[in-house]
């Protein structure tokens, strides 16, 4: 189902229309930043940034989102909106043990939280969790599975539309540890 084009195509088209309109509006409002049509076209075709996905989800679909965003590893080569949005990452750049931060959006308000300060699950089940996997994004969903003997197993499901194996990523291990308040085996 995840690779079922007829199922996902309308959603992808909706997002791409939003993205193209948003980027067109930026270009029109900042003409002086683009030297020619080639520069404007490049900006329209550039990689989708994690904040663009986050902004769209908050606007369109879900008021409760958790987005684990990686910090831009090459800030000196960012331009346009991406360069402007780097200011969001500044408070998190000097943490030696992680290169990501958590964007928590609830009921129309957004808070950016350092990984060591985010406390994991607060009992919320009605939340969409998105993770930046560096070059790809995934949806993660934590579950507690109750066995026949009433034992509880904590499970983290990664919904991924590629054939890549991301389970070794430290960002996912960290999320599991924080959400379930335990060490990953």
N, C-alpha and C. Protein backbone atom coordinates (compact mmCIF):
# COMPACT_ATOMS: atom_id res chain seq x y z
N UNK A 1 0.81 -1.20 0.00
CA UNK A 1 0.00 0.00 0.00
C UNK A 1 0.85 1.27 0.00
N UNK A 2 2.00 1.25 0.69
CA UNK A 2 2.84 2.44 0.75
C UNK A 2 3.41 2.82 -0.61
N UNK A 3 3.48 1.87 -1.50
CA UNK A 3 3.99 2.16 -2.84
C UNK A 3 2.87 2.14 -3.88
N UNK A 4 1.65 2.23 -3.41
CA UNK A 4 0.47 2.23 -4.28
C UNK A 4 0.25 3.64 -4.80
N UNK A 5 0.69 3.88 -6.02
CA UNK A 5 0.65 5.22 -6.61
C UNK A 5 -0.75 5.85 -6.59
N UNK A 6 -1.81 5.14 -7.00
CA UNK A 6 -3.13 5.78 -6.99
C UNK A 6 -3.58 6.25 -5.60
N UNK A 7 -3.12 5.57 -4.56
CA UNK A 7 -3.48 5.97 -3.19
C UNK A 7 -2.76 7.25 -2.78
N UNK A 8 -1.48 7.33 -3.09
CA UNK A 8 -0.67 8.44 -2.60
C UNK A 8 -0.59 9.63 -3.55
N UNK A 9 -0.81 9.41 -4.83
CA UNK A 9 -0.64 10.48 -5.80
C UNK A 9 -1.46 11.74 -5.49
N UNK A 10 -2.74 11.63 -5.13
CA UNK A 10 -3.49 12.86 -4.82
C UNK A 10 -2.88 13.64 -3.65
N UNK A 11 -2.36 12.96 -2.66
CA UNK A 11 -1.74 13.65 -1.52
C UNK A 11 -0.42 14.29 -1.91
N UNK A 12 0.35 13.59 -2.71
CA UNK A 12 1.62 14.14 -3.19
C UNK A 12 1.35 15.36 -4.06
N UNK A 13 0.38 15.27 -4.94
CA UNK A 13 0.05 16.41 -5.80
C UNK A 13 -0.42 17.60 -4.96
N UNK A 14 -1.21 17.34 -3.94
CA UNK A 14 -1.68 18.42 -3.06
C UNK A 14 -0.50 19.12 -2.38
N UNK A 15 0.43 18.32 -1.86
CA UNK A 15 1.60 18.91 -1.21
C UNK A 15 2.45 19.68 -2.22
N UNK A 16 2.66 19.12 -3.40
CA UNK A 16 3.49 19.78 -4.40
C UNK A 16 2.87 21.10 -4.86
N UNK A 17 1.54 21.14 -4.98
CA UNK A 17 0.87 22.39 -5.32
C UNK A 17 1.09 23.43 -4.23
N UNK A 18 0.96 23.01 -2.97
CA UNK A 18 1.22 23.91 -1.84
C UNK A 18 2.65 24.43 -1.90
N UNK A 19 3.60 23.50 -2.10
CA UNK A 19 5.01 23.86 -2.10
C UNK A 19 5.33 24.83 -3.23
N UNK A 20 4.83 24.56 -4.43
CA UNK A 20 5.09 25.44 -5.56
C UNK A 20 4.49 26.82 -5.35
N UNK A 21 3.28 26.87 -4.78
CA UNK A 21 2.66 28.17 -4.50
C UNK A 21 3.44 28.92 -3.43
N UNK A 22 3.84 28.22 -2.38
CA UNK A 22 4.59 28.85 -1.29
C UNK A 22 5.92 29.39 -1.81
N UNK A 23 6.62 28.60 -2.60
CA UNK A 23 7.90 29.04 -3.15
C UNK A 23 7.71 30.17 -4.17
N UNK A 24 6.64 30.10 -4.97
CA UNK A 24 6.36 31.20 -5.92
C UNK A 24 6.10 32.50 -5.17
N UNK A 25 5.34 32.42 -4.10
CA UNK A 25 5.07 33.62 -3.29
C UNK A 25 6.37 34.18 -2.72
N UNK A 26 7.27 33.30 -2.29
CA UNK A 26 8.56 33.78 -1.77
C UNK A 26 9.35 34.48 -2.88
N UNK A 27 9.42 33.85 -4.04
CA UNK A 27 10.14 34.45 -5.16
C UNK A 27 9.56 35.82 -5.50
N UNK A 28 8.24 35.90 -5.60
CA UNK A 28 7.59 37.17 -5.95
C UNK A 28 7.83 38.25 -4.90
N UNK A 29 7.96 37.85 -3.65
CA UNK A 29 8.20 38.82 -2.58
C UNK A 29 9.67 39.15 -2.37
N UNK A 30 10.56 38.43 -3.03
CA UNK A 30 12.00 38.61 -2.84
C UNK A 30 12.74 38.56 -4.18
N UNK A 31 12.23 39.27 -5.15
CA UNK A 31 12.80 39.25 -6.50
C UNK A 31 14.29 39.58 -6.51
N UNK A 32 14.71 40.46 -5.61
CA UNK A 32 16.10 40.89 -5.59
C UNK A 32 17.08 39.78 -5.19
N UNK A 33 16.58 38.71 -4.60
CA UNK A 33 17.44 37.60 -4.20
C UNK A 33 17.74 36.61 -5.32
N UNK A 34 17.00 36.74 -6.42
CA UNK A 34 17.15 35.82 -7.54
C UNK A 34 17.65 36.59 -8.75
N UNK A 35 18.87 36.26 -9.20
CA UNK A 35 19.49 37.06 -10.25
C UNK A 35 18.85 36.87 -11.62
N UNK A 36 18.23 35.70 -11.86
CA UNK A 36 17.63 35.46 -13.17
C UNK A 36 16.62 34.29 -13.08
N UNK A 37 16.02 33.96 -14.22
CA UNK A 37 15.04 32.86 -14.26
C UNK A 37 15.65 31.53 -13.86
N UNK A 38 16.90 31.32 -14.19
CA UNK A 38 17.58 30.08 -13.83
C UNK A 38 17.63 29.92 -12.30
N UNK A 39 17.92 30.99 -11.59
CA UNK A 39 17.96 30.95 -10.13
C UNK A 39 16.57 30.71 -9.55
N UNK A 40 15.57 31.32 -10.14
CA UNK A 40 14.19 31.11 -9.67
C UNK A 40 13.75 29.67 -9.92
N UNK A 41 14.08 29.12 -11.09
CA UNK A 41 13.73 27.74 -11.40
C UNK A 41 14.45 26.76 -10.49
N UNK A 42 15.70 27.04 -10.20
CA UNK A 42 16.46 26.17 -9.29
C UNK A 42 15.79 26.13 -7.91
N UNK A 43 15.39 27.29 -7.42
CA UNK A 43 14.72 27.35 -6.12
C UNK A 43 13.42 26.55 -6.14
N UNK A 44 12.67 26.64 -7.20
CA UNK A 44 11.40 25.90 -7.31
C UNK A 44 11.64 24.39 -7.32
N UNK A 45 12.77 23.94 -7.85
CA UNK A 45 13.04 22.51 -7.98
C UNK A 45 13.91 21.95 -6.85
N UNK A 46 14.31 22.78 -5.93
CA UNK A 46 15.24 22.36 -4.88
C UNK A 46 14.61 21.29 -3.97
N UNK A 47 15.46 20.62 -3.20
CA UNK A 47 15.01 19.62 -2.23
C UNK A 47 13.92 20.20 -1.33
N UNK A 48 13.04 19.35 -0.89
CA UNK A 48 12.01 19.74 0.08
C UNK A 48 12.66 19.74 1.45
N UNK A 49 12.51 20.83 2.16
CA UNK A 49 13.12 20.96 3.49
C UNK A 49 12.18 20.43 4.57
N UNK A 50 12.76 20.02 5.68
CA UNK A 50 11.94 19.49 6.77
C UNK A 50 10.93 20.51 7.29
N UNK A 51 11.30 21.78 7.34
CA UNK A 51 10.36 22.79 7.83
C UNK A 51 9.20 22.98 6.86
N UNK A 52 9.40 22.72 5.56
CA UNK A 52 8.31 22.84 4.60
C UNK A 52 7.26 21.75 4.84
N UNK A 53 7.72 20.56 5.10
CA UNK A 53 6.80 19.47 5.42
C UNK A 53 6.06 19.77 6.72
N UNK A 54 6.80 20.21 7.71
CA UNK A 54 6.21 20.54 9.00
C UNK A 54 5.16 21.64 8.88
N UNK A 55 5.50 22.70 8.15
CA UNK A 55 4.55 23.81 7.97
C UNK A 55 3.27 23.33 7.31
N UNK A 56 3.41 22.51 6.29
CA UNK A 56 2.24 22.03 5.55
C UNK A 56 1.36 21.13 6.42
N UNK A 57 1.98 20.23 7.17
CA UNK A 57 1.20 19.34 8.03
C UNK A 57 0.40 20.14 9.06
N UNK A 58 1.04 21.13 9.66
CA UNK A 58 0.34 21.94 10.66
C UNK A 58 -0.80 22.73 10.02
N UNK A 59 -0.56 23.21 8.82
CA UNK A 59 -1.56 24.02 8.13
C UNK A 59 -2.73 23.19 7.63
N UNK A 60 -2.44 22.02 7.08
CA UNK A 60 -3.43 21.27 6.32
C UNK A 60 -4.13 20.15 7.08
N UNK A 61 -3.37 19.36 7.77
CA UNK A 61 -3.92 18.09 8.21
C UNK A 61 -4.06 17.87 9.70
N UNK A 62 -3.05 18.18 10.43
CA UNK A 62 -3.06 17.71 11.81
C UNK A 62 -2.56 18.81 12.74
N UNK A 63 -3.31 19.05 13.77
CA UNK A 63 -2.91 20.08 14.72
C UNK A 63 -1.90 19.57 15.74
N UNK A 64 -1.81 18.25 15.92
CA UNK A 64 -0.88 17.67 16.87
C UNK A 64 0.20 16.90 16.12
N UNK A 65 1.36 17.54 15.97
CA UNK A 65 2.45 16.89 15.28
C UNK A 65 3.72 16.95 16.12
N UNK A 66 4.51 15.95 15.95
CA UNK A 66 5.83 15.90 16.55
C UNK A 66 6.78 15.67 15.40
N UNK A 67 7.68 16.61 15.16
CA UNK A 67 8.59 16.51 14.04
C UNK A 67 10.01 16.55 14.60
N UNK A 68 10.75 15.47 14.40
CA UNK A 68 12.13 15.43 14.85
C UNK A 68 12.97 15.88 13.66
N UNK A 69 13.49 17.08 13.79
CA UNK A 69 14.19 17.72 12.67
C UNK A 69 15.70 17.70 12.89
N UNK A 70 16.43 17.30 11.87
CA UNK A 70 17.88 17.36 11.92
C UNK A 70 18.34 18.79 11.72
N UNK A 71 19.44 19.11 12.34
CA UNK A 71 20.05 20.42 12.18
C UNK A 71 20.81 20.44 10.86
N UNK A 72 20.68 21.50 10.13
CA UNK A 72 21.34 21.64 8.83
C UNK A 72 22.85 21.50 9.02
N UNK A 73 23.47 20.49 8.37
CA UNK A 73 24.91 20.27 8.57
C UNK A 73 25.80 21.25 7.79
N UNK A 74 25.24 21.96 6.83
CA UNK A 74 26.03 22.83 5.96
C UNK A 74 25.38 24.21 5.86
N UNK A 75 25.26 24.94 6.97
CA UNK A 75 24.51 26.20 6.96
C UNK A 75 25.09 27.28 6.05
N UNK A 76 26.38 27.26 5.83
CA UNK A 76 26.99 28.30 4.99
C UNK A 76 26.56 28.20 3.53
N UNK A 77 26.02 27.04 3.13
CA UNK A 77 25.57 26.88 1.75
C UNK A 77 24.05 26.99 1.59
N UNK A 78 23.38 27.47 2.62
CA UNK A 78 21.93 27.65 2.54
C UNK A 78 21.61 29.05 2.04
N UNK A 79 20.52 29.14 1.30
CA UNK A 79 20.07 30.46 0.86
C UNK A 79 18.55 30.55 0.93
N UNK A 80 18.06 31.71 0.67
CA UNK A 80 16.63 32.00 0.64
C UNK A 80 15.95 31.64 1.97
N UNK A 81 14.80 31.01 1.89
CA UNK A 81 14.03 30.70 3.10
C UNK A 81 14.83 29.79 4.02
N UNK A 82 15.55 28.87 3.44
CA UNK A 82 16.32 27.94 4.26
C UNK A 82 17.30 28.70 5.17
N UNK A 83 17.97 29.68 4.61
CA UNK A 83 18.89 30.49 5.41
C UNK A 83 18.14 31.26 6.51
N UNK A 84 16.98 31.78 6.17
CA UNK A 84 16.18 32.51 7.16
C UNK A 84 15.72 31.59 8.28
N UNK A 85 15.36 30.36 7.94
CA UNK A 85 14.85 29.41 8.93
C UNK A 85 15.93 28.81 9.82
N UNK A 86 17.20 28.99 9.44
CA UNK A 86 18.29 28.46 10.26
C UNK A 86 18.31 29.05 11.65
N UNK A 87 17.71 30.23 11.80
CA UNK A 87 17.66 30.87 13.11
C UNK A 87 16.95 29.96 14.13
N UNK A 88 16.01 29.13 13.65
CA UNK A 88 15.30 28.21 14.53
C UNK A 88 16.25 27.18 15.15
N UNK A 89 17.33 26.87 14.44
CA UNK A 89 18.25 25.83 14.88
C UNK A 89 19.34 26.32 15.81
N UNK A 90 19.57 27.62 15.85
CA UNK A 90 20.70 28.17 16.59
C UNK A 90 20.76 27.68 18.04
N UNK A 91 19.67 27.66 18.79
CA UNK A 91 19.78 27.21 20.19
C UNK A 91 20.21 25.75 20.34
N UNK A 92 20.12 24.97 19.27
CA UNK A 92 20.39 23.53 19.37
C UNK A 92 21.72 23.12 18.75
N UNK A 93 22.43 24.06 18.17
CA UNK A 93 23.67 23.74 17.45
C UNK A 93 24.82 23.30 18.35
N UNK A 94 24.86 23.72 19.57
CA UNK A 94 26.02 23.46 20.43
C UNK A 94 25.88 22.23 21.32
N UNK A 95 24.83 21.46 21.15
CA UNK A 95 24.70 20.25 21.95
C UNK A 95 25.59 19.17 21.35
N UNK A 96 26.56 18.67 22.12
CA UNK A 96 27.55 17.76 21.54
C UNK A 96 27.04 16.35 21.23
N UNK A 97 25.92 15.95 21.79
CA UNK A 97 25.48 14.56 21.68
C UNK A 97 24.33 14.34 20.71
N UNK A 98 23.86 15.37 20.06
CA UNK A 98 22.80 15.16 19.07
C UNK A 98 22.86 16.27 18.04
N UNK A 99 22.33 15.98 16.88
CA UNK A 99 22.27 16.99 15.82
C UNK A 99 20.84 17.12 15.33
N UNK A 100 19.90 17.06 16.26
CA UNK A 100 18.50 17.23 15.93
C UNK A 100 17.80 17.95 17.07
N UNK A 101 16.57 18.36 16.81
CA UNK A 101 15.72 18.95 17.84
C UNK A 101 14.30 18.52 17.57
N UNK A 102 13.44 18.76 18.54
CA UNK A 102 12.05 18.30 18.45
C UNK A 102 11.15 19.51 18.30
N UNK A 103 10.30 19.45 17.29
CA UNK A 103 9.29 20.49 17.07
C UNK A 103 7.95 19.89 17.49
N UNK A 104 7.39 20.41 18.55
CA UNK A 104 6.13 19.91 19.10
C UNK A 104 5.05 20.93 18.79
N UNK A 105 4.03 20.51 18.04
CA UNK A 105 2.91 21.39 17.70
C UNK A 105 1.63 20.80 18.27
N UNK A 106 0.96 21.61 19.08
CA UNK A 106 -0.31 21.19 19.67
C UNK A 106 -1.29 22.34 19.61
N UNK A 107 -2.45 22.05 19.08
CA UNK A 107 -3.54 23.02 19.08
C UNK A 107 -3.12 24.40 18.58
N UNK A 108 -2.34 24.42 17.52
CA UNK A 108 -1.99 25.68 16.89
C UNK A 108 -0.77 26.37 17.45
N UNK A 109 -0.14 25.84 18.49
CA UNK A 109 1.09 26.44 19.00
C UNK A 109 2.25 25.47 18.78
N UNK A 110 3.43 26.03 18.55
CA UNK A 110 4.60 25.22 18.27
C UNK A 110 5.71 25.59 19.24
N UNK A 111 6.38 24.55 19.72
CA UNK A 111 7.52 24.74 20.62
C UNK A 111 8.68 23.91 20.08
N UNK A 112 9.86 24.51 20.06
CA UNK A 112 11.07 23.79 19.67
C UNK A 112 11.81 23.40 20.94
N UNK A 113 12.17 22.11 21.03
CA UNK A 113 12.71 21.58 22.28
C UNK A 113 14.02 20.84 22.01
N UNK A 114 15.01 21.06 22.87
CA UNK A 114 16.27 20.32 22.78
C UNK A 114 16.00 18.85 23.10
N UNK A 115 16.72 17.94 22.46
CA UNK A 115 16.47 16.51 22.66
C UNK A 115 16.55 16.08 24.12
N UNK A 116 17.51 16.60 24.86
CA UNK A 116 17.64 16.16 26.25
C UNK A 116 16.55 16.74 27.16
N UNK A 117 15.84 17.76 26.69
CA UNK A 117 14.76 18.34 27.49
C UNK A 117 13.38 17.79 27.15
N UNK A 118 13.26 17.19 25.97
CA UNK A 118 11.97 16.60 25.59
C UNK A 118 11.74 15.36 26.42
N UNK A 119 10.59 15.24 27.01
CA UNK A 119 10.34 14.17 27.96
C UNK A 119 9.66 12.96 27.38
N UNK A 120 9.49 12.91 26.08
CA UNK A 120 8.87 11.73 25.48
C UNK A 120 7.37 11.76 25.59
N UNK A 121 6.80 10.60 25.66
CA UNK A 121 5.34 10.48 25.67
C UNK A 121 4.75 11.13 26.90
N UNK A 122 3.68 11.84 26.69
CA UNK A 122 2.91 12.37 27.81
C UNK A 122 1.50 11.78 27.78
N UNK A 123 1.42 10.57 27.26
CA UNK A 123 0.13 9.88 27.22
C UNK A 123 -0.67 10.17 25.97
N UNK A 124 -0.12 10.99 25.07
CA UNK A 124 -0.85 11.34 23.85
C UNK A 124 -0.78 10.21 22.84
N UNK A 125 -1.91 9.83 22.32
CA UNK A 125 -1.93 8.86 21.23
C UNK A 125 -2.32 9.53 19.92
N UNK A 126 -3.00 10.67 20.01
CA UNK A 126 -3.48 11.36 18.81
C UNK A 126 -2.44 12.36 18.33
N UNK A 127 -1.28 11.83 17.94
CA UNK A 127 -0.22 12.71 17.49
C UNK A 127 0.46 12.05 16.29
N UNK A 128 0.82 12.85 15.31
CA UNK A 128 1.55 12.36 14.15
C UNK A 128 3.03 12.64 14.40
N UNK A 129 3.86 11.61 14.31
CA UNK A 129 5.30 11.74 14.56
C UNK A 129 6.05 11.57 13.25
N UNK A 130 6.77 12.61 12.85
CA UNK A 130 7.55 12.58 11.62
C UNK A 130 9.01 12.70 12.00
N UNK A 131 9.85 11.98 11.30
CA UNK A 131 11.28 12.02 11.60
C UNK A 131 12.06 12.29 10.32
N UNK A 132 13.01 13.20 10.44
CA UNK A 132 13.92 13.52 9.35
C UNK A 132 15.05 12.50 9.39
N UNK A 133 15.14 11.66 8.35
CA UNK A 133 16.13 10.59 8.30
C UNK A 133 17.34 10.97 7.43
N UNK A 134 17.51 12.26 7.21
CA UNK A 134 18.61 12.78 6.39
C UNK A 134 18.50 12.29 4.95
N UNK A 135 17.72 12.98 4.18
CA UNK A 135 17.51 12.63 2.78
C UNK A 135 16.17 11.97 2.53
N UNK A 136 15.49 11.62 3.56
CA UNK A 136 14.18 10.99 3.47
C UNK A 136 13.44 11.27 4.77
N UNK A 137 12.13 11.20 4.73
CA UNK A 137 11.33 11.40 5.93
C UNK A 137 10.49 10.16 6.17
N UNK A 138 10.23 9.88 7.42
CA UNK A 138 9.38 8.75 7.75
C UNK A 138 8.37 9.16 8.80
N UNK A 139 7.35 8.35 8.93
CA UNK A 139 6.36 8.53 9.99
C UNK A 139 6.63 7.42 11.00
N UNK A 140 6.69 7.79 12.26
CA UNK A 140 6.92 6.79 13.29
C UNK A 140 5.72 6.76 14.23
N UNK A 141 5.38 5.57 14.65
CA UNK A 141 4.23 5.41 15.54
C UNK A 141 4.60 4.44 16.65
N UNK A 142 4.61 4.91 17.87
CA UNK A 142 4.87 4.01 19.00
C UNK A 142 3.58 3.29 19.42
N UNK A 143 3.72 2.02 19.76
CA UNK A 143 2.59 1.20 20.21
C UNK A 143 3.00 0.42 21.44
N UNK A 144 2.03 0.08 22.23
CA UNK A 144 2.22 -0.90 23.28
C UNK A 144 1.34 -2.09 22.93
N UNK A 145 1.98 -3.23 22.73
CA UNK A 145 1.27 -4.45 22.34
C UNK A 145 1.11 -5.33 23.57
N UNK A 146 -0.13 -5.70 23.87
CA UNK A 146 -0.42 -6.53 25.03
C UNK A 146 -0.52 -7.98 24.58
N UNK A 147 0.28 -8.84 25.22
CA UNK A 147 0.29 -10.26 24.88
C UNK A 147 -0.83 -11.01 25.58
N UNK A 148 -0.99 -12.28 25.21
CA UNK A 148 -2.01 -13.14 25.83
C UNK A 148 -1.80 -13.27 27.33
N UNK A 149 -0.55 -13.14 27.78
CA UNK A 149 -0.25 -13.25 29.21
C UNK A 149 -0.24 -11.89 29.91
N UNK A 150 -0.83 -10.89 29.25
CA UNK A 150 -0.91 -9.51 29.74
C UNK A 150 0.44 -8.79 29.80
N UNK A 151 1.47 -9.40 29.21
CA UNK A 151 2.75 -8.71 29.13
C UNK A 151 2.62 -7.58 28.10
N UNK A 152 3.41 -6.55 28.29
CA UNK A 152 3.36 -5.40 27.39
C UNK A 152 4.71 -5.26 26.70
N UNK A 153 4.67 -5.14 25.38
CA UNK A 153 5.88 -4.94 24.60
C UNK A 153 5.77 -3.59 23.89
N UNK A 154 6.79 -2.77 24.07
CA UNK A 154 6.82 -1.47 23.39
C UNK A 154 7.40 -1.66 21.99
N UNK A 155 6.68 -1.14 21.01
CA UNK A 155 7.06 -1.30 19.61
C UNK A 155 7.05 0.07 18.94
N UNK A 156 8.05 0.32 18.14
CA UNK A 156 8.11 1.54 17.35
C UNK A 156 8.03 1.14 15.88
N UNK A 157 6.99 1.59 15.20
CA UNK A 157 6.80 1.27 13.79
C UNK A 157 7.26 2.47 12.96
N UNK A 158 8.09 2.19 11.98
CA UNK A 158 8.54 3.22 11.04
C UNK A 158 7.84 2.98 9.72
N UNK A 159 7.08 3.95 9.28
CA UNK A 159 6.42 3.87 7.97
C UNK A 159 7.35 4.56 6.99
N UNK A 160 7.84 3.79 6.05
CA UNK A 160 8.90 4.21 5.17
C UNK A 160 8.54 3.81 3.74
N UNK A 161 8.63 4.72 2.82
CA UNK A 161 8.25 4.42 1.43
C UNK A 161 9.42 4.01 0.56
N UNK A 162 10.58 3.81 1.17
CA UNK A 162 11.73 3.34 0.39
C UNK A 162 12.09 1.93 0.83
N UNK A 163 13.07 1.35 0.18
CA UNK A 163 13.56 0.03 0.56
C UNK A 163 14.75 0.12 1.52
N UNK A 164 15.08 1.31 1.96
CA UNK A 164 16.22 1.50 2.84
C UNK A 164 15.90 1.06 4.26
N UNK A 165 16.92 0.62 4.96
CA UNK A 165 16.80 0.22 6.35
C UNK A 165 17.31 1.37 7.23
N UNK A 166 16.39 2.01 7.91
CA UNK A 166 16.74 3.16 8.76
C UNK A 166 16.76 2.81 10.24
N UNK A 167 16.52 1.57 10.60
CA UNK A 167 16.36 1.20 12.00
C UNK A 167 17.62 1.42 12.83
N UNK A 168 18.77 1.48 12.20
CA UNK A 168 20.03 1.70 12.92
C UNK A 168 20.28 3.18 13.22
N UNK A 169 19.46 4.05 12.69
CA UNK A 169 19.68 5.49 12.85
C UNK A 169 19.58 5.89 14.33
N UNK A 170 20.57 6.62 14.84
CA UNK A 170 20.53 7.05 16.24
C UNK A 170 19.28 7.86 16.58
N UNK A 171 18.76 8.60 15.62
CA UNK A 171 17.57 9.42 15.88
C UNK A 171 16.37 8.54 16.24
N UNK A 172 16.24 7.37 15.63
CA UNK A 172 15.14 6.46 15.95
C UNK A 172 15.38 5.76 17.28
N UNK A 173 16.61 5.40 17.54
CA UNK A 173 16.94 4.79 18.83
C UNK A 173 16.66 5.76 19.96
N UNK A 174 17.04 7.02 19.75
CA UNK A 174 16.79 8.05 20.76
C UNK A 174 15.28 8.21 21.00
N UNK A 175 14.50 8.27 19.91
CA UNK A 175 13.05 8.44 20.05
C UNK A 175 12.44 7.30 20.85
N UNK A 176 12.82 6.08 20.51
CA UNK A 176 12.30 4.91 21.23
C UNK A 176 12.61 5.03 22.72
N UNK A 177 13.83 5.35 23.01
CA UNK A 177 14.28 5.48 24.40
C UNK A 177 13.48 6.55 25.15
N UNK A 178 13.29 7.69 24.52
CA UNK A 178 12.58 8.80 25.17
C UNK A 178 11.09 8.50 25.30
N UNK A 179 10.47 7.98 24.24
CA UNK A 179 9.03 7.76 24.26
C UNK A 179 8.63 6.74 25.32
N UNK A 180 9.38 5.65 25.36
CA UNK A 180 9.05 4.57 26.29
C UNK A 180 9.84 4.65 27.59
N UNK A 181 10.68 5.66 27.73
CA UNK A 181 11.45 5.87 28.94
C UNK A 181 12.28 4.64 29.30
N UNK A 182 13.01 4.11 28.33
CA UNK A 182 13.86 2.96 28.57
C UNK A 182 14.99 2.91 27.57
N UNK A 183 16.00 2.11 27.88
CA UNK A 183 17.14 1.93 26.99
C UNK A 183 16.79 0.96 25.88
N UNK A 184 17.32 1.22 24.71
CA UNK A 184 17.14 0.32 23.58
C UNK A 184 18.08 -0.87 23.75
N UNK A 185 17.55 -2.04 23.52
CA UNK A 185 18.36 -3.26 23.69
C UNK A 185 19.25 -3.44 22.49
